[in-house]
N, C-alpha and C. Protein backbone atom coordinates (compact mmCIF):
# COMPACT_ATOMS: atom_id res chain seq x y z
N UNK A 1 -9.78 10.13 1.89
CA UNK A 1 -10.29 9.43 3.02
C UNK A 1 -11.39 10.30 3.62
N UNK A 2 -12.45 10.57 3.04
CA UNK A 2 -13.54 11.41 3.49
C UNK A 2 -14.16 10.75 4.71
N UNK A 3 -14.10 9.52 4.89
CA UNK A 3 -14.57 8.84 6.15
C UNK A 3 -13.91 9.34 7.34
N UNK A 4 -12.63 9.66 7.26
CA UNK A 4 -11.92 10.16 8.48
C UNK A 4 -12.48 11.44 8.86
N UNK A 5 -12.82 12.28 7.95
CA UNK A 5 -13.41 13.63 8.19
C UNK A 5 -14.83 13.50 8.67
N UNK A 6 -15.72 12.73 8.02
CA UNK A 6 -17.15 12.74 8.23
C UNK A 6 -17.35 11.77 9.40
N UNK A 7 -16.82 10.54 9.53
CA UNK A 7 -17.13 9.79 10.65
C UNK A 7 -16.33 10.02 11.91
N UNK A 8 -15.13 10.24 11.75
CA UNK A 8 -14.19 10.46 12.99
C UNK A 8 -14.02 11.90 13.23
N UNK A 9 -14.66 12.83 12.43
CA UNK A 9 -14.59 14.16 12.72
C UNK A 9 -13.31 14.78 12.72
N UNK A 10 -12.39 14.32 11.86
CA UNK A 10 -10.97 15.02 11.83
C UNK A 10 -10.96 16.16 10.78
N UNK A 11 -10.06 16.97 11.04
CA UNK A 11 -9.90 18.19 10.07
C UNK A 11 -9.31 17.62 8.73
N UNK A 12 -9.35 18.39 7.67
CA UNK A 12 -8.44 18.10 6.61
C UNK A 12 -6.84 17.93 6.81
N UNK A 13 -6.33 18.87 7.68
CA UNK A 13 -4.97 18.62 8.03
C UNK A 13 -4.79 17.31 8.71
N UNK A 14 -5.61 17.07 9.67
CA UNK A 14 -5.34 15.78 10.50
C UNK A 14 -5.48 14.62 9.55
N UNK A 15 -6.39 14.75 8.56
CA UNK A 15 -6.48 13.41 7.62
C UNK A 15 -5.33 13.32 6.75
N UNK A 16 -4.80 14.49 6.36
CA UNK A 16 -3.57 14.41 5.48
C UNK A 16 -2.39 13.95 6.12
N UNK A 17 -2.30 14.20 7.42
CA UNK A 17 -1.27 13.63 8.36
C UNK A 17 -1.42 12.14 8.29
N UNK A 18 -2.55 11.64 8.50
CA UNK A 18 -2.77 10.17 8.58
C UNK A 18 -2.53 9.55 7.17
N UNK A 19 -2.39 10.21 6.18
CA UNK A 19 -2.22 9.60 4.84
C UNK A 19 -0.61 9.54 4.65
N UNK A 20 0.14 10.07 5.37
CA UNK A 20 1.60 10.05 5.18
C UNK A 20 2.25 8.78 5.12
N UNK A 21 1.71 7.76 5.84
CA UNK A 21 2.25 6.38 5.70
C UNK A 21 2.38 5.96 4.19
N UNK A 22 1.31 6.33 3.43
CA UNK A 22 1.28 5.94 1.96
C UNK A 22 2.55 6.43 1.32
N UNK A 23 2.82 7.64 1.41
CA UNK A 23 4.03 8.33 0.82
C UNK A 23 5.29 7.69 1.28
N UNK A 24 5.46 7.45 2.55
CA UNK A 24 6.71 6.83 3.16
C UNK A 24 6.84 5.52 2.60
N UNK A 25 5.75 4.66 2.69
CA UNK A 25 5.84 3.27 2.37
C UNK A 25 6.13 3.23 0.68
N UNK A 26 5.45 4.18 -0.09
CA UNK A 26 5.65 4.18 -1.46
C UNK A 26 7.12 4.42 -1.88
N UNK A 27 7.79 5.40 -1.21
CA UNK A 27 9.28 5.61 -1.47
C UNK A 27 10.01 4.40 -1.02
N UNK A 28 9.89 3.85 0.12
CA UNK A 28 10.64 2.70 0.52
C UNK A 28 10.47 1.50 -0.39
N UNK A 29 9.14 1.26 -0.87
CA UNK A 29 8.90 0.11 -1.58
C UNK A 29 9.56 0.33 -2.98
N UNK A 30 9.60 1.52 -3.62
CA UNK A 30 10.23 1.78 -4.85
C UNK A 30 11.75 1.67 -4.81
N UNK A 31 12.36 2.01 -3.72
CA UNK A 31 13.86 1.80 -3.50
C UNK A 31 14.16 0.35 -3.34
N UNK A 32 13.44 -0.26 -2.46
CA UNK A 32 13.57 -1.69 -2.30
C UNK A 32 13.32 -2.52 -3.49
N UNK A 33 12.41 -2.17 -4.34
CA UNK A 33 12.14 -2.90 -5.49
C UNK A 33 13.42 -2.79 -6.51
N UNK A 34 13.87 -1.56 -6.55
CA UNK A 34 15.06 -1.36 -7.46
C UNK A 34 16.23 -2.14 -7.00
N UNK A 35 16.32 -2.31 -5.64
CA UNK A 35 17.45 -3.24 -5.22
C UNK A 35 17.23 -4.64 -5.34
N UNK A 36 15.87 -5.12 -5.34
CA UNK A 36 15.62 -6.52 -5.32
C UNK A 36 15.45 -7.06 -6.78
N UNK A 37 15.14 -6.17 -7.70
CA UNK A 37 14.71 -6.73 -8.95
C UNK A 37 15.83 -7.69 -9.65
N UNK A 38 17.06 -7.48 -9.26
CA UNK A 38 18.15 -8.23 -9.86
C UNK A 38 18.36 -9.40 -8.95
N UNK A 39 18.01 -9.50 -7.70
CA UNK A 39 18.28 -10.50 -6.78
C UNK A 39 17.13 -11.60 -6.65
N UNK A 40 15.90 -11.06 -6.80
CA UNK A 40 14.73 -11.96 -6.56
C UNK A 40 13.94 -12.15 -7.94
N UNK A 41 13.39 -13.32 -8.08
CA UNK A 41 12.59 -13.43 -9.42
C UNK A 41 11.44 -12.41 -9.49
N UNK A 42 11.33 -11.92 -10.76
CA UNK A 42 10.31 -10.81 -10.83
C UNK A 42 8.86 -11.40 -10.53
N UNK A 43 8.78 -12.59 -10.93
CA UNK A 43 7.48 -13.35 -10.72
C UNK A 43 7.14 -13.41 -9.22
N UNK A 44 8.11 -13.61 -8.31
CA UNK A 44 7.92 -13.53 -7.01
C UNK A 44 7.57 -12.05 -6.44
N UNK A 45 8.23 -11.21 -6.97
CA UNK A 45 8.12 -9.74 -6.54
C UNK A 45 6.58 -9.36 -7.01
N UNK A 46 6.21 -9.61 -8.32
CA UNK A 46 4.97 -9.26 -8.69
C UNK A 46 3.76 -10.03 -7.90
N UNK A 47 4.01 -11.27 -7.77
CA UNK A 47 3.07 -12.14 -7.06
C UNK A 47 2.80 -11.57 -5.66
N UNK A 48 3.84 -11.44 -4.89
CA UNK A 48 3.78 -10.87 -3.53
C UNK A 48 3.11 -9.56 -3.45
N UNK A 49 3.48 -8.61 -4.25
CA UNK A 49 3.01 -7.29 -4.39
C UNK A 49 1.51 -7.25 -4.75
N UNK A 50 1.15 -8.18 -5.75
CA UNK A 50 -0.27 -8.29 -6.16
C UNK A 50 -1.12 -8.77 -4.96
N UNK A 51 -0.58 -9.69 -4.16
CA UNK A 51 -1.25 -10.20 -3.08
C UNK A 51 -1.49 -9.11 -1.94
N UNK A 52 -0.38 -8.36 -1.71
CA UNK A 52 -0.49 -7.25 -0.74
C UNK A 52 -1.55 -6.24 -1.18
N UNK A 53 -1.37 -5.98 -2.57
CA UNK A 53 -2.50 -4.89 -3.00
C UNK A 53 -3.83 -5.37 -2.99
N UNK A 54 -4.02 -6.68 -3.04
CA UNK A 54 -5.46 -7.12 -2.94
C UNK A 54 -5.86 -7.21 -1.38
N UNK A 55 -4.89 -7.25 -0.51
CA UNK A 55 -5.31 -7.49 0.98
C UNK A 55 -5.63 -6.01 1.44
N UNK A 56 -4.94 -5.04 1.03
CA UNK A 56 -5.03 -3.49 1.55
C UNK A 56 -6.39 -2.96 1.50
N UNK A 57 -7.09 -3.11 0.38
CA UNK A 57 -8.44 -2.58 0.35
C UNK A 57 -9.34 -3.48 1.25
N UNK A 58 -9.16 -4.66 1.37
CA UNK A 58 -9.98 -5.43 2.21
C UNK A 58 -9.88 -5.00 3.64
N UNK A 59 -8.66 -4.80 4.09
CA UNK A 59 -8.59 -4.32 5.51
C UNK A 59 -9.30 -2.99 5.64
N UNK A 60 -9.17 -2.08 4.83
CA UNK A 60 -9.95 -0.74 4.82
C UNK A 60 -11.40 -1.00 4.79
N UNK A 61 -11.84 -1.88 3.96
CA UNK A 61 -13.30 -2.07 3.76
C UNK A 61 -13.88 -2.77 5.05
N UNK A 62 -13.11 -3.77 5.62
CA UNK A 62 -13.67 -4.50 6.79
C UNK A 62 -13.38 -3.72 8.14
N UNK A 63 -12.67 -2.59 8.14
CA UNK A 63 -12.41 -1.87 9.46
C UNK A 63 -13.70 -1.39 9.90
N UNK A 64 -13.72 -1.40 11.23
CA UNK A 64 -15.05 -0.81 11.92
C UNK A 64 -14.74 0.64 12.35
N UNK A 65 -15.85 1.36 12.45
CA UNK A 65 -15.69 2.82 12.92
C UNK A 65 -15.18 2.79 14.39
N UNK A 66 -15.44 1.74 15.12
CA UNK A 66 -15.07 1.68 16.50
C UNK A 66 -13.54 1.43 16.66
N UNK A 67 -12.90 1.00 15.64
CA UNK A 67 -11.48 0.81 15.62
C UNK A 67 -10.69 2.03 15.81
N UNK A 68 -9.55 1.90 16.36
CA UNK A 68 -8.68 3.12 16.18
C UNK A 68 -7.95 3.20 14.91
N UNK A 69 -7.37 4.23 14.68
CA UNK A 69 -6.67 4.51 13.34
C UNK A 69 -5.57 3.43 13.21
N UNK A 70 -4.96 2.98 14.23
CA UNK A 70 -3.74 2.03 14.11
C UNK A 70 -4.22 0.64 13.90
N UNK A 71 -5.53 0.32 14.18
CA UNK A 71 -5.98 -1.14 14.04
C UNK A 71 -6.49 -1.37 12.67
N UNK A 72 -6.86 -0.38 11.89
CA UNK A 72 -7.40 -0.66 10.57
C UNK A 72 -6.77 0.13 9.46
N UNK A 73 -7.07 1.58 9.76
CA UNK A 73 -6.82 2.41 8.61
C UNK A 73 -5.27 2.51 8.26
N UNK A 74 -4.54 2.65 9.39
CA UNK A 74 -3.04 2.74 9.18
C UNK A 74 -2.48 1.49 8.37
N UNK A 75 -3.04 0.23 8.68
CA UNK A 75 -2.45 -0.91 8.11
C UNK A 75 -2.85 -0.84 6.71
N UNK A 76 -4.18 -0.55 6.41
CA UNK A 76 -4.58 -0.57 4.92
C UNK A 76 -3.95 0.51 4.16
N UNK A 77 -3.77 1.71 4.74
CA UNK A 77 -3.10 2.76 3.98
C UNK A 77 -1.55 2.58 3.81
N UNK A 78 -0.99 1.89 4.76
CA UNK A 78 0.52 1.57 4.64
C UNK A 78 0.72 0.48 3.56
N UNK A 79 -0.16 -0.44 3.45
CA UNK A 79 -0.06 -1.52 2.38
C UNK A 79 -0.48 -1.06 1.10
N UNK A 80 -1.22 -0.02 0.92
CA UNK A 80 -1.84 0.34 -0.32
C UNK A 80 -0.83 0.67 -1.46
N UNK A 81 0.34 1.42 -1.16
CA UNK A 81 1.31 1.54 -2.30
C UNK A 81 2.07 0.43 -2.85
N UNK A 82 1.98 -0.67 -2.10
CA UNK A 82 2.66 -1.76 -2.58
C UNK A 82 1.91 -2.51 -3.66
N UNK A 83 2.28 -2.31 -4.90
CA UNK A 83 1.63 -2.86 -6.06
C UNK A 83 2.67 -3.22 -7.18
N UNK A 84 2.15 -4.01 -8.02
CA UNK A 84 3.14 -4.50 -9.20
C UNK A 84 3.35 -3.29 -10.15
N UNK A 85 4.56 -2.98 -10.40
CA UNK A 85 4.96 -1.89 -11.25
C UNK A 85 4.91 -2.30 -12.65
N UNK A 86 4.65 -1.43 -13.63
CA UNK A 86 4.68 -1.76 -15.02
C UNK A 86 5.95 -2.26 -15.40
N UNK A 87 7.08 -1.69 -14.94
CA UNK A 87 8.43 -2.15 -15.26
C UNK A 87 8.57 -3.57 -14.89
N UNK A 88 8.10 -3.91 -13.80
CA UNK A 88 8.30 -5.31 -13.37
C UNK A 88 7.48 -6.18 -14.16
N UNK A 89 6.33 -5.84 -14.51
CA UNK A 89 5.46 -6.59 -15.53
C UNK A 89 6.11 -6.82 -16.81
N UNK A 90 6.76 -5.81 -17.32
CA UNK A 90 7.44 -5.89 -18.52
C UNK A 90 8.68 -6.91 -18.44
N UNK A 91 9.27 -6.86 -17.31
CA UNK A 91 10.43 -7.69 -17.12
C UNK A 91 10.08 -9.15 -17.09
N UNK A 92 8.81 -9.55 -16.64
CA UNK A 92 8.48 -10.89 -16.70
C UNK A 92 8.42 -11.37 -18.15
N UNK A 93 8.08 -10.59 -19.13
CA UNK A 93 8.10 -11.07 -20.53
C UNK A 93 9.58 -11.11 -21.00
N UNK A 94 10.36 -10.36 -20.48
CA UNK A 94 11.82 -10.42 -20.95
C UNK A 94 12.40 -11.67 -20.32
N UNK A 95 12.09 -12.06 -19.19
CA UNK A 95 12.61 -13.29 -18.44
C UNK A 95 11.94 -14.60 -19.06
N UNK A 96 10.66 -14.37 -19.49
CA UNK A 96 9.81 -15.35 -19.94
C UNK A 96 10.34 -16.68 -20.36
């Protein structure tokens, strides 16, 4: 996120702290997916995660420089790790 450093004038340490939500959400999503994969249709999981994955970069692309971190960048970064996993995609063919 070079834009955080160049446009908002943050240091590399401040920028890396602002990227921590990606790590946290990534861990939570992986644990939750492991729990839900036997309880929810894989097609629903992949479809919803693909939609969220498509929305995350749109939020980041449409965010304005005047917005605070919490209004745009946080939401886009937090949603970025939610994506269809290869194991889920393979399972669609097994359920097929």
